[in-house]
């Protein structure tokens, strides 16, 4: 069964924030070497977001419902568009971006409960605990804005005084960081075909799992 893409082209997704006693958050190290991020995954057609949460929790880090306590969730879908170079227009419905429901879970057991090989195609091969806002700096640049939105809303529910104060490095300018410019393709002398290898290759996994967080959330979905 495939992930659900709505009529506007947004792929439904759940984001998982795991917190342990002391308020530190879990970051997974991607198996493909593309950095650190929260566990996340697509919602299947006719699947409820909370059901997707627990399915993805097990697939990504090997935990089950009894290992965690649900603390908070975002009240609506947070949407963001993919950059044009990541939009695949062949082989199925066009996905122009992602819409996510985020969940904050409290870890009840210890780290021995993690299993990064719960599926045949693991997402992570390691993990670590970090300060509350650190994931914003750790994650690839195009996910920073949505991480801030999710952590702010979840923290307002989880802590009586709201989320921890934002560090000085977390600035508006950081969240507005422009995309790196794509190198121009150069034609060899004589006007022949485009030079091979002039642009970096983009894998299918990167296209599927690497949204660009731009603009404000577009509200709840019908």
Foldseek 3Di string as FASTA:
>chain_A
DDFDADPVQATEKEFEWEAEPVGWTKWFQFPVRQFIDTQMDGAHPPGDPVVVVQVSCCQAWNDHPVQKDWQDKDPAWFWAFAPPVLWDPDDDGTHGTYTYIYTYIYGDDDPVNTDQPSDPDGGGDDMDIDHLLVNLVGHDQQCNVVSVVGSQVSQVRRDVVGHPDDDPVPDPCSNVDDDPDWDDFDDPPPRDDTDPPSTDDDDPVCSVPPGGHDDGGPTHDD
